[in-house]
Amino acid sequence: MAGEKNPGKKAPRKDDAKGGAGRKPAPSGKSGKPSGASGTRRSGGKRGKPTLTPLVARAVLAICVAATLLVMLLFVFGSPMKHFTDSGARKPAVAEKSDKKPQTPQSGQKPQKGEPKRGEQAELPQLPQFPQLPQLPQTPVGDAPNGEVSTDGAKGDAAGTAGADAPQPAQPERAANGKPIPAEAREADGEVRQPVTPGNLPYEETLDAPVEAGVKQVDYALVQTVTRLGLGRDRLRLASIENRQAKGQTFHFQRMEMRLDGAPDRFVQTLKETLAAWSDTANVEQRADDLLIVTVDGLPTHEISLLLYEGTPPPVVVAPGGARLAIVIDDIGESMSSVRDLAALDYPVTFSVWPRSTHAREAAEVAHRAGREVMIHLPMEPVRYPQVKPGPGAILSGQQPQEMAALVRDAVRRVPYAVGLNNHMGSRATQNAAAMRTVCEALDGTGLFVLDSMTHQNSKLYFEAKRAGLPAYKRNVFLDVIADKRNIMFQLDKAARIAQAEGQAIAIGHPLPETVAALKEWARTRDRSVSIVTVRQLSH
């Protein structure tokens, strides 16, 4: 009907000249549509419905919030798929921002403790660093049972006792031909022993005896040859040993017997290959079908008779009165587990304790309760000092006599139950007769004996101790210049042969896991004709 209002629609207000542009908002649920820009009245028709219901709007909002949270979780914790796909080669988990590049160490900045350096794999503590023979399989020979050997690696610089004196890990040295010097027996620059595991033994040095160092390399090559051929350790027998001097050096000349099942060609060839990999100065020459001569730097060091294997070899002739061997373990005081293992051996070893080590007093007390002999392992200046540091409380060539004497007396106070003293390092200090005289005079009245570790061939410690009227001894064999269990057992056999030839001998080793394992196994296989005794039970 004309003039009739549209049903459900209010008439525009009178002041709304443009079709309601200034009207108030419609009540809830009855909102009108704005008019067009032309100013004409709104057309009739039904009111339009909302595009999204409140329920749909809430769902969209929830989805947006969930997506935002998921993105934040992925940003913080990383992708779960990445966790599974990269689990085999992941680096330690570190929260990294995606817009930053990996940080590289600044020049001179040290890596955090326990982290490998950039470009290097994380590696175990270094043992003496003769690298393993390339492509030569290692056949275990009487390995110790699992769990048989344990060590407490003292952390860092001997748990704070060493302080700044602990040396940095040694860098690999190279021979004249550019080949890396095998680090288990790298021996140069006027010193006897080699840096070993810094956490366990922070203060070691290397050997000043090139010919004897070469002898030890040949010994190890022989042990490796026997192992590669799958032969028992008893096939290689040390028949006799003697000290020889040449080129101003003293070294061991050894007569050996190698018992083979057949022709010696394979043994000879394997020995040549092994020597070539381990020594730049050793050569082997076949003088006859059954005789090999090994030379080091042109000097004969080993004479090897090749025999047909016929079971148990004949016994070695023992010196009248029996043979006696003392085994001294230096560097005691950081690894208490090795102290307990050594104290549990069924034969006595002597414990030489660092006076200022972390567990010096405790280690001495454990050894004493086990009925073991205790000594003081007194640090002394090495040839390469100050690059190589002997640790706190060391005897140095530049010290005044009063200071040296005070350090000796302090060391005696720190190690209870001690009955003797030997030098730790000291390849320079022991060459100084005046310094060694002062040390020995400071021991007057203590009742202690002196053992010269012979870390330098020109050491004066033994002679000055004798001059001062002290009981004095000299080391014959270092057991673990090359930290290999089979080789250490061979060195123990060598020490036993010296004892048989000369009546007595002294061997020095260190509380390495390989040494402890070798001593345990050697207890079952050693020649019982040689008595294991304390140093004080030897003649002086």
Protein backbone atom coordinates (compact mmCIF):
# COMPACT_ATOMS: atom_id res chain seq x y z
CA MET A 1 0.00 0.00 0.00
CA ALA A 2 1.34 3.43 -0.95
CA GLY A 3 2.97 5.38 1.89
CA GLU A 4 3.10 2.33 4.11
CA LYS A 5 6.31 1.90 6.07
CA ASN A 6 8.45 -1.06 5.30
CA PRO A 7 7.76 -3.70 7.90
CA GLY A 8 10.59 -4.10 10.52
CA LYS A 9 12.28 -0.87 9.60
CA LYS A 10 12.15 2.39 11.47
CA ALA A 11 11.59 5.68 9.70
CA PRO A 12 14.64 7.92 9.45
CA ARG A 13 14.97 10.71 11.95
CA LYS A 14 14.03 14.15 10.87
CA ASP A 15 17.55 15.52 11.36
CA ASP A 16 18.99 12.75 9.21
CA ALA A 17 19.14 14.67 5.95
CA LYS A 18 21.12 11.97 4.23
CA GLY A 19 19.20 8.96 5.12
CA GLY A 20 20.32 8.44 8.72
CA ALA A 21 23.99 9.31 8.54
CA GLY A 22 23.90 10.84 11.99
CA ARG A 23 21.54 8.50 13.75
CA LYS A 24 22.35 6.62 16.87
CA PRO A 25 23.53 3.00 16.68
CA ALA A 26 20.74 0.57 16.38
CA PRO A 27 19.88 -1.56 19.36
CA SER A 28 21.64 -4.92 19.67
CA GLY A 29 20.46 -7.21 16.92
CA LYS A 30 18.84 -4.42 14.90
CA SER A 31 21.71 -2.57 13.29
CA GLY A 32 20.94 -0.83 10.02
CA LYS A 33 23.08 -0.49 6.97
CA PRO A 34 24.65 2.90 6.28
CA SER A 35 23.32 4.71 3.30
CA GLY A 36 25.22 5.29 0.15
CA ALA A 37 27.38 8.36 -0.47
CA SER A 38 24.80 9.80 -2.82
CA GLY A 39 22.61 10.84 0.07
CA THR A 40 19.64 8.88 -1.18
CA ARG A 41 17.51 6.98 1.23
CA ARG A 42 18.37 3.40 1.96
CA SER A 43 16.69 0.88 -0.15
CA GLY A 44 14.29 -1.47 1.37
CA GLY A 45 15.00 -5.16 2.03
CA LYS A 46 15.92 -7.49 4.84
CA ARG A 47 18.82 -6.76 7.19
CA GLY A 48 22.15 -8.69 6.29
CA LYS A 49 23.46 -11.51 8.63
CA PRO A 50 26.96 -11.36 10.28
CA THR A 51 29.77 -13.10 8.25
CA LEU A 52 31.19 -15.02 11.33
CA THR A 53 29.29 -16.27 14.29
CA PRO A 54 30.87 -15.77 17.77
CA LEU A 55 31.69 -19.51 17.96
CA VAL A 56 33.66 -19.45 14.71
CA ALA A 57 35.49 -16.29 15.78
CA ARG A 58 36.56 -17.91 19.02
CA ALA A 59 37.78 -21.00 17.13
CA VAL A 60 39.86 -18.87 14.76
CA LEU A 61 41.35 -16.99 17.72
CA ALA A 62 42.21 -20.26 19.50
CA ILE A 63 43.91 -21.60 16.38
CA CYS A 64 45.97 -18.41 16.08
CA VAL A 65 47.05 -18.59 19.73
CA ALA A 66 47.98 -22.30 19.43
CA ALA A 67 49.99 -21.63 16.26
CA THR A 68 51.83 -18.78 17.99
CA LEU A 69 52.69 -21.00 20.99
CA LEU A 70 53.90 -23.79 18.69
CA VAL A 71 56.19 -21.40 16.82
CA MET A 72 57.61 -20.15 20.12
CA LEU A 73 58.23 -23.72 21.37
CA LEU A 74 59.99 -24.66 18.14
CA PHE A 75 62.12 -21.53 18.36
CA VAL A 76 63.23 -22.29 21.92
CA PHE A 77 63.63 -26.08 21.89
CA GLY A 78 64.26 -26.87 18.23
CA SER A 79 62.42 -29.14 15.86
CA PRO A 80 61.41 -32.60 17.15
CA MET A 81 62.18 -34.03 13.70
CA LYS A 82 65.69 -32.54 13.88
CA HIS A 83 66.15 -34.30 17.23
CA PHE A 84 65.49 -37.70 15.69
CA THR A 85 67.28 -37.20 12.38
CA ASP A 86 70.41 -35.68 13.89
CA SER A 87 70.61 -37.76 17.08
CA GLY A 88 73.54 -39.77 15.74
CA ALA A 89 75.77 -36.75 15.14
CA ARG A 90 74.44 -34.04 17.42
CA LYS A 91 76.67 -31.61 19.19
CA PRO A 92 75.95 -30.84 22.83
CA ALA A 93 72.54 -29.18 23.09
CA VAL A 94 72.88 -25.42 23.16
CA ALA A 95 70.06 -22.91 22.74
CA GLU A 96 71.04 -20.98 19.61
CA LYS A 97 69.25 -18.16 17.86
CA SER A 98 68.54 -18.92 14.24
CA ASP A 99 69.68 -15.48 13.08
CA LYS A 100 73.18 -15.84 14.60
CA LYS A 101 76.18 -17.62 13.13
CA PRO A 102 78.12 -20.14 15.25
CA GLN A 103 80.56 -18.40 17.52
CA THR A 104 84.25 -19.07 16.92
CA PRO A 105 86.81 -18.72 19.72
CA GLN A 106 88.60 -15.41 19.80
CA SER A 107 92.35 -15.39 19.38
CA GLY A 108 94.03 -16.54 22.59
CA GLN A 109 90.72 -17.60 24.13
CA LYS A 110 90.84 -21.03 25.80
CA PRO A 111 88.00 -23.49 25.27
CA GLN A 112 85.83 -24.31 28.24
CA LYS A 113 86.90 -27.25 30.38
CA GLY A 114 85.80 -30.53 28.87
CA GLU A 115 85.05 -29.07 25.43
CA PRO A 116 87.08 -29.96 22.35
CA LYS A 117 88.87 -27.21 20.48
CA ARG A 118 87.33 -25.98 17.25
CA GLY A 119 88.04 -28.39 14.44
CA GLU A 120 89.01 -31.21 16.80
CA GLN A 121 87.14 -34.19 18.12
CA ALA A 122 86.79 -34.63 21.85
CA GLU A 123 89.56 -36.96 22.88
CA LEU A 124 90.62 -39.01 25.87
CA PRO A 125 93.48 -37.86 28.07
CA GLN A 126 96.74 -38.44 26.27
CA LEU A 127 98.98 -41.19 27.29
CA PRO A 128 102.58 -41.06 26.14
CA GLN A 129 102.14 -40.27 22.51
CA PHE A 130 103.78 -42.87 20.26
CA PRO A 131 100.81 -43.20 17.83
CA GLN A 132 99.46 -46.67 17.32
CA LEU A 133 101.13 -48.58 14.53
CA PRO A 134 99.25 -47.76 11.29
CA GLN A 135 97.11 -50.58 9.94
CA LEU A 136 98.62 -53.16 12.24
CA PRO A 137 95.95 -55.10 14.13
CA GLN A 138 96.43 -55.29 17.88
CA THR A 139 95.77 -58.79 19.18
CA PRO A 140 95.11 -58.70 22.92
CA VAL A 141 97.50 -60.85 24.91
CA GLY A 142 96.18 -61.60 28.36
CA ASP A 143 94.24 -58.38 28.75
CA ALA A 144 93.07 -57.61 32.23
CA PRO A 145 89.42 -58.47 32.93
CA ASN A 146 86.88 -55.71 32.61
CA GLY A 147 86.83 -53.52 35.63
CA GLU A 148 90.16 -54.84 36.87
CA VAL A 149 91.94 -51.49 36.68
CA SER A 150 90.49 -48.22 37.88
CA THR A 151 91.96 -44.79 38.35
CA ASP A 152 90.84 -41.55 39.93
CA GLY A 153 92.08 -38.99 37.43
CA ALA A 154 93.00 -36.02 39.52
CA LYS A 155 91.43 -33.01 37.88
CA GLY A 156 93.38 -30.32 36.12
CA ASP A 157 96.50 -29.34 37.98
CA ALA A 158 96.46 -31.91 40.74
CA ALA A 159 93.28 -30.54 42.32
CA GLY A 160 94.72 -27.15 43.00
CA THR A 161 98.06 -28.21 44.48
CA ALA A 162 99.89 -27.65 41.25
CA GLY A 163 98.36 -24.29 40.46
CA ALA A 164 100.10 -22.51 37.63
CA ASP A 165 102.93 -25.05 37.71
CA ALA A 166 101.01 -27.66 35.73
CA PRO A 167 102.35 -27.74 32.16
CA GLN A 168 100.17 -27.52 29.12
CA PRO A 169 99.68 -30.81 27.20
CA ALA A 170 102.73 -31.48 25.07
CA GLN A 171 102.46 -30.90 21.35
CA PRO A 172 103.50 -33.77 19.08
CA GLU A 173 107.14 -33.63 18.08
CA ARG A 174 108.52 -34.75 14.75
CA ALA A 175 111.64 -36.61 13.76
CA ALA A 176 114.15 -35.33 11.24
CA ASN A 177 112.33 -37.08 8.41
CA GLY A 178 109.07 -35.33 9.29
CA LYS A 179 107.39 -38.44 10.75
CA PRO A 180 105.69 -37.92 14.14
CA ILE A 181 107.84 -39.22 16.96
CA PRO A 182 105.85 -42.02 18.66
CA ALA A 183 104.55 -40.30 21.73
CA GLU A 184 104.49 -43.29 24.04
CA ALA A 185 108.26 -43.07 24.02
CA ARG A 186 109.12 -39.68 22.55
CA GLU A 187 112.45 -39.03 24.19
CA ALA A 188 114.65 -36.02 23.47
CA ASP A 189 116.09 -32.76 24.68
CA GLY A 190 117.97 -34.08 27.69
CA GLU A 191 115.16 -35.54 29.76
CA VAL A 192 113.86 -38.94 30.71
CA ARG A 193 110.15 -39.25 30.75
CA GLN A 194 107.39 -38.01 28.58
CA PRO A 195 104.28 -35.99 29.44
CA VAL A 196 101.50 -38.45 30.06
CA THR A 197 97.88 -37.97 31.07
CA PRO A 198 97.89 -34.38 32.38
CA GLY A 199 94.95 -35.03 34.70
CA ASN A 200 96.69 -37.94 36.43
CA LEU A 201 100.38 -37.09 36.11
CA PRO A 202 100.83 -33.37 35.53
CA TYR A 203 104.61 -33.32 35.84
CA GLU A 204 106.63 -35.55 33.54
CA GLU A 205 109.56 -35.07 31.22
CA THR A 206 111.32 -36.95 28.43
CA LEU A 207 114.48 -39.02 28.08
CA ASP A 208 117.99 -37.77 27.39
CA ALA A 209 119.46 -41.03 26.07
CA PRO A 210 118.86 -41.40 22.33
CA VAL A 211 120.36 -44.89 22.09
CA GLU A 212 118.43 -46.24 25.08
CA ALA A 213 115.31 -44.54 23.71
CA GLY A 214 115.91 -46.42 20.45
CA VAL A 215 116.35 -49.66 22.42
CA LYS A 216 112.91 -49.16 23.97
CA GLN A 217 111.43 -48.55 20.52
CA VAL A 218 112.96 -51.81 19.28
CA ASP A 219 111.61 -53.62 22.36
CA TYR A 220 108.15 -52.34 21.56
CA ALA A 221 108.49 -53.26 17.88
CA LEU A 222 109.41 -56.82 18.90
CA VAL A 223 106.38 -57.05 21.19
CA GLN A 224 104.16 -55.70 18.39
CA THR A 225 105.63 -58.20 15.91
CA VAL A 226 104.88 -61.14 18.19
CA THR A 227 101.36 -59.81 18.71
CA ARG A 228 100.74 -59.29 14.97
CA LEU A 229 101.81 -62.87 14.26
CA GLY A 230 99.45 -64.19 16.92
CA LEU A 231 102.23 -65.80 18.96
CA GLY A 232 102.34 -66.10 22.72
CA ARG A 233 104.47 -63.76 24.78
CA ASP A 234 106.54 -66.72 25.98
CA ARG A 235 107.87 -67.25 22.44
CA LEU A 236 110.11 -64.17 22.84
CA ARG A 237 112.66 -64.86 25.58
CA LEU A 238 115.25 -62.48 26.95
CA ALA A 239 118.25 -64.73 27.46
CA SER A 240 120.70 -62.16 28.83
CA ILE A 241 121.21 -58.42 29.16
CA GLU A 242 124.25 -56.25 29.77
CA ASN A 243 125.09 -52.57 30.03
CA ARG A 244 127.21 -51.14 27.24
CA GLN A 245 128.64 -47.70 26.69
CA ALA A 246 129.13 -45.90 23.39
CA LYS A 247 128.90 -42.32 22.12
CA GLY A 248 128.95 -41.13 25.71
CA GLN A 249 125.79 -43.09 26.53
CA THR A 250 124.90 -46.21 28.49
CA PHE A 251 122.36 -48.59 27.00
CA HIS A 252 121.12 -52.16 27.36
CA PHE A 253 122.45 -54.80 24.96
CA GLN A 254 120.06 -57.76 24.87
CA ARG A 255 120.47 -61.33 23.67
CA MET A 256 117.09 -62.79 22.83
CA GLU A 257 115.57 -66.01 21.57
CA MET A 258 112.56 -66.10 19.27
CA ARG A 259 110.92 -69.53 18.98
CA LEU A 260 109.09 -70.03 15.68
CA ASP A 261 106.97 -72.83 14.23
CA GLY A 262 108.70 -72.84 10.87
CA ALA A 263 110.75 -70.73 8.48
CA PRO A 264 111.67 -67.31 9.88
CA ASP A 265 110.87 -65.33 6.71
CA ARG A 266 107.50 -64.09 7.89
CA PHE A 267 108.84 -63.05 11.30
CA VAL A 268 111.79 -61.20 9.75
CA GLN A 269 109.61 -59.35 7.25
CA THR A 270 107.06 -58.37 9.91
CA LEU A 271 109.81 -57.12 12.22
CA LYS A 272 111.29 -54.99 9.43
CA GLU A 273 107.89 -53.43 8.68
CA THR A 274 107.24 -52.72 12.36
CA LEU A 275 110.67 -51.18 12.94
CA ALA A 276 110.23 -48.98 9.86
CA ALA A 277 106.98 -47.63 11.33
CA TRP A 278 108.37 -47.06 14.83
CA SER A 279 111.96 -45.94 14.54
CA ASP A 280 114.05 -43.72 12.31
CA THR A 281 117.34 -44.98 13.75
CA ALA A 282 116.86 -48.77 14.08
CA ASN A 283 117.71 -51.36 11.44
CA VAL A 284 117.66 -55.14 11.36
CA GLU A 285 120.20 -57.30 9.53
CA GLN A 286 119.97 -61.07 9.03
CA ARG A 287 123.49 -62.36 9.65
CA ALA A 288 122.50 -66.00 9.21
CA ASP A 289 119.37 -68.06 8.71
CA ASP A 290 118.88 -68.16 12.46
CA LEU A 291 120.47 -64.89 13.63
CA LEU A 292 119.29 -61.26 13.51
CA ILE A 293 121.23 -58.20 14.62
CA VAL A 294 119.32 -55.00 15.40
CA THR A 295 121.21 -51.71 15.49
CA VAL A 296 120.20 -48.29 16.81
CA ASP A 297 122.09 -45.34 15.37
CA GLY A 298 124.65 -47.84 14.06
CA LEU A 299 125.21 -49.52 17.46
CA PRO A 300 124.24 -53.20 17.97
CA THR A 301 121.53 -53.36 20.65
CA HIS A 302 119.72 -56.68 20.09
CA GLU A 303 120.98 -60.12 19.06
CA ILE A 304 118.03 -62.40 18.23
CA SER A 305 118.44 -66.14 17.76
CA LEU A 306 115.65 -67.74 15.71
CA LEU A 307 114.89 -71.18 17.10
CA LEU A 308 112.37 -73.92 16.36
CA TYR A 309 109.58 -73.89 18.92
CA GLU A 310 109.90 -76.91 21.22
CA GLY A 311 107.75 -76.01 24.19
CA THR A 312 109.05 -74.52 27.42
CA PRO A 313 112.48 -72.85 27.07
CA PRO A 314 115.30 -73.84 29.42
CA PRO A 315 115.57 -71.88 32.69
CA VAL A 316 117.84 -68.88 32.97
CA VAL A 317 120.96 -69.32 35.10
CA VAL A 318 120.43 -67.38 38.34
CA ALA A 319 123.22 -65.56 40.15
CA PRO A 320 124.39 -67.23 43.40
CA GLY A 321 122.34 -66.10 46.39
CA GLY A 322 119.21 -65.54 44.34
CA ALA A 323 117.99 -62.55 42.33
CA ARG A 324 116.14 -59.64 43.93
CA LEU A 325 114.06 -57.00 42.17
CA ALA A 326 112.57 -53.82 43.67
CA ILE A 327 109.70 -52.14 41.84
CA VAL A 328 109.12 -48.46 42.62
CA ILE A 329 105.97 -46.62 41.51
CA ASP A 330 106.57 -42.87 41.26
CA ASP A 331 104.06 -40.01 41.17
CA ILE A 332 101.86 -41.39 43.94
CA GLY A 333 99.37 -38.99 45.51
CA GLU A 334 96.78 -38.09 42.89
CA SER A 335 95.01 -41.36 42.00
CA MET A 336 93.85 -43.15 45.13
CA SER A 337 92.28 -46.00 43.18
CA SER A 338 95.68 -46.86 41.72
CA VAL A 339 97.12 -46.72 45.26
CA ARG A 340 94.57 -49.29 46.40
CA ASP A 341 95.18 -51.49 43.34
CA LEU A 342 98.94 -51.42 43.89
CA ALA A 343 98.60 -52.11 47.60
CA ALA A 344 96.50 -55.18 46.79
CA LEU A 345 99.20 -56.85 44.65
CA ASP A 346 100.50 -60.15 46.02
CA TYR A 347 104.07 -58.87 45.95
CA PRO A 348 105.45 -55.64 47.43
CA VAL A 349 105.92 -52.47 45.41
CA THR A 350 107.40 -49.28 46.81
CA PHE A 351 105.24 -46.14 46.80
CA SER A 352 107.10 -42.90 45.97
CA VAL A 353 104.80 -40.02 46.98
CA TRP A 354 104.76 -36.44 45.68
CA PRO A 355 105.07 -34.35 48.86
CA ARG A 356 102.56 -31.70 47.70
CA SER A 357 100.13 -33.94 45.85
CA THR A 358 96.43 -33.87 46.69
CA HIS A 359 96.40 -37.13 48.66
CA ALA A 360 100.05 -37.36 49.78
CA ARG A 361 99.38 -38.16 53.44
CA GLU A 362 96.41 -40.42 52.71
CA ALA A 363 98.34 -42.40 50.09
CA ALA A 364 101.29 -42.87 52.44
CA GLU A 365 98.99 -44.10 55.18
CA VAL A 366 97.24 -46.60 52.85
CA ALA A 367 100.62 -47.94 51.70
CA HIS A 368 101.90 -48.20 55.26
CA ARG A 369 98.79 -50.07 56.46
CA ALA A 370 99.32 -52.53 53.60
CA GLY A 371 102.90 -53.10 54.72
CA ARG A 372 104.40 -51.34 51.70
CA GLU A 373 107.55 -49.26 51.61
CA VAL A 374 107.04 -45.47 51.30
CA MET A 375 109.41 -42.97 49.70
CA ILE A 376 109.45 -39.24 48.96
CA HIS A 377 109.29 -38.31 45.27
CA LEU A 378 111.08 -34.94 45.43
CA PRO A 379 110.55 -32.62 42.41
CA MET A 380 113.71 -31.27 40.81
CA GLU A 381 114.47 -28.99 37.89
CA PRO A 382 114.35 -30.54 34.39
CA VAL A 383 116.49 -29.53 31.43
CA ARG A 384 113.56 -27.82 29.70
CA TYR A 385 112.55 -25.74 32.70
CA PRO A 386 110.56 -23.45 32.74
CA GLN A 387 108.70 -24.82 29.69
CA VAL A 388 108.48 -28.13 31.56
CA LYS A 389 107.65 -27.56 35.21
CA PRO A 390 108.39 -30.09 37.96
CA GLY A 391 105.62 -28.77 40.21
CA PRO A 392 105.62 -26.93 43.55
CA GLY A 393 108.35 -27.44 46.10
CA ALA A 394 110.98 -28.29 43.46
CA ILE A 395 114.74 -28.09 43.86
CA LEU A 396 116.02 -25.54 41.32
CA SER A 397 119.63 -24.90 40.36
CA GLY A 398 119.38 -21.18 41.10
CA GLN A 399 118.17 -21.57 44.68
CA GLN A 400 120.31 -20.79 47.70
CA PRO A 401 121.46 -23.79 49.76
CA GLN A 402 119.29 -22.71 52.70
CA GLU A 403 116.19 -22.74 50.47
CA MET A 404 117.03 -26.18 49.06
CA ALA A 405 117.55 -27.60 52.53
CA ALA A 406 114.24 -26.09 53.72
CA LEU A 407 112.40 -27.69 50.79
CA VAL A 408 113.90 -31.10 51.60
CA ARG A 409 112.90 -30.85 55.26
CA ASP A 410 109.40 -29.71 54.26
CA ALA A 411 109.02 -32.73 51.95
CA VAL A 412 110.07 -35.08 54.77
CA ARG A 413 107.36 -33.58 57.02
CA ARG A 414 104.67 -33.97 54.37
CA VAL A 415 105.12 -37.72 53.69
CA PRO A 416 104.67 -39.88 56.80
CA TYR A 417 106.38 -43.28 57.07
CA ALA A 418 108.91 -42.38 54.35
CA VAL A 419 112.18 -44.34 54.51
CA GLY A 420 113.81 -43.06 51.31
CA LEU A 421 113.83 -40.34 48.67
CA ASN A 422 114.18 -40.26 44.90
CA ASN A 423 114.07 -37.45 42.36
CA HIS A 424 111.06 -36.51 40.27
CA MET A 425 112.33 -35.14 36.94
CA GLY A 426 115.60 -33.36 37.76
CA SER A 427 117.47 -33.89 34.49
CA ARG A 428 119.15 -30.50 35.07
CA ALA A 429 119.28 -30.28 38.86
CA THR A 430 120.83 -33.73 39.31
CA GLN A 431 123.75 -32.72 37.09
CA ASN A 432 124.58 -29.98 39.60
CA ALA A 433 126.91 -31.64 42.13
CA ALA A 434 126.68 -28.74 44.61
CA ALA A 435 122.86 -28.82 44.60
CA MET A 436 122.80 -32.59 45.11
CA ARG A 437 125.33 -32.27 47.92
CA THR A 438 123.01 -29.81 49.65
CA VAL A 439 120.03 -32.17 49.25
CA CYS A 440 121.96 -35.11 50.69
CA GLU A 441 123.32 -33.07 53.60
CA ALA A 442 119.75 -32.02 54.45
CA LEU A 443 118.87 -35.73 54.79
CA ASP A 444 121.62 -36.32 57.35
CA GLY A 445 120.13 -37.71 60.53
CA THR A 446 116.78 -38.65 58.94
CA GLY A 447 117.73 -42.27 58.29
CA LEU A 448 116.45 -42.00 54.70
CA PHE A 449 118.17 -43.68 51.77
CA VAL A 450 118.54 -42.09 48.31
CA LEU A 451 117.48 -43.61 44.98
CA ASP A 452 118.84 -41.85 41.90
CA SER A 453 116.09 -42.12 39.25
CA MET A 454 118.78 -41.50 36.62
CA THR A 455 116.71 -39.03 34.62
CA HIS A 456 119.97 -37.88 33.08
CA GLN A 457 123.03 -39.98 32.31
CA ASN A 458 125.26 -37.36 34.01
CA SER A 459 123.29 -37.36 37.26
CA LYS A 460 125.37 -36.73 40.40
CA LEU A 461 122.73 -37.64 42.98
CA TYR A 462 123.96 -41.22 43.56
CA PHE A 463 127.58 -40.16 43.98
CA GLU A 464 126.78 -37.29 46.34
CA ALA A 465 124.58 -39.58 48.46
CA LYS A 466 127.45 -42.07 48.74
CA ARG A 467 129.83 -39.24 49.63
CA ALA A 468 127.42 -38.08 52.37
CA GLY A 469 127.38 -41.59 53.83
CA LEU A 470 123.75 -42.28 52.89
CA PRO A 471 122.52 -45.65 51.58
CA ALA A 472 122.29 -45.05 47.80
CA TYR A 473 120.80 -46.88 44.81
CA LYS A 474 120.38 -46.32 41.06
CA ARG A 475 117.48 -47.13 38.77
CA ASN A 476 118.04 -49.86 36.13
CA VAL A 477 114.83 -49.87 34.05
CA PHE A 478 111.94 -47.51 33.36
CA LEU A 479 108.87 -49.69 32.87
CA ASP A 480 106.37 -47.47 31.07
CA VAL A 481 108.16 -44.97 28.85
CA ILE A 482 105.91 -46.66 26.28
CA ALA A 483 102.51 -47.05 27.96
CA ASP A 484 101.50 -50.41 26.53
CA LYS A 485 100.66 -53.32 28.82
CA ARG A 486 102.47 -55.97 26.79
CA ASN A 487 105.55 -53.80 26.51
CA ILE A 488 105.51 -53.03 30.24
CA MET A 489 105.45 -56.76 30.97
CA PHE A 490 108.43 -57.13 28.64
CA GLN A 491 110.26 -54.40 30.58
CA LEU A 492 109.44 -56.21 33.83
CA ASP A 493 110.98 -59.36 32.34
CA LYS A 494 114.01 -57.30 31.35
CA ALA A 495 114.38 -56.00 34.92
CA ALA A 496 114.13 -59.58 36.19
CA ARG A 497 116.90 -60.67 33.79
CA ILE A 498 119.12 -57.83 35.03
CA ALA A 499 118.46 -58.99 38.58
CA GLN A 500 119.40 -62.54 37.60
CA ALA A 501 122.59 -61.36 35.92
CA GLU A 502 123.68 -58.83 38.55
CA GLY A 503 122.01 -60.15 41.66
CA GLN A 504 119.60 -57.22 42.05
CA ALA A 505 117.83 -54.51 40.05
CA ILE A 506 115.45 -51.58 40.48
CA ALA A 507 112.59 -50.81 38.07
CA ILE A 508 110.57 -47.57 38.17
CA GLY A 509 107.06 -47.15 36.82
CA HIS A 510 104.08 -44.83 37.22
CA PRO A 511 100.46 -45.31 38.36
CA LEU A 512 99.12 -45.58 34.80
CA PRO A 513 96.23 -47.96 34.12
CA GLU A 514 98.48 -49.89 31.71
CA THR A 515 101.18 -50.25 34.36
CA VAL A 516 98.74 -51.43 37.03
CA ALA A 517 97.25 -53.96 34.58
CA ALA A 518 100.72 -55.20 33.60
CA LEU A 519 101.77 -55.62 37.23
CA LYS A 520 98.61 -57.62 37.95
CA GLU A 521 99.09 -59.95 35.00
CA TRP A 522 102.83 -60.24 35.55
CA ALA A 523 102.07 -61.51 39.05
CA ARG A 524 100.63 -64.64 37.40
CA THR A 525 103.32 -65.13 34.75
CA ARG A 526 106.58 -63.84 36.29
CA ASP A 527 109.69 -65.90 36.92
CA ARG A 528 109.40 -67.03 40.54
CA SER A 529 113.16 -67.43 40.84
CA VAL A 530 113.35 -63.63 41.17
CA SER A 531 112.28 -62.30 44.57
CA ILE A 532 110.34 -59.03 44.63
CA VAL A 533 111.66 -57.00 47.57
CA THR A 534 111.70 -53.46 48.95
CA VAL A 535 114.50 -51.06 48.06
CA ARG A 536 115.88 -51.26 51.61
CA GLN A 537 116.33 -55.03 51.18
CA LEU A 538 118.80 -54.49 48.35
CA SER A 539 122.53 -54.14 48.82
CA HIS A 540 123.91 -50.61 48.59
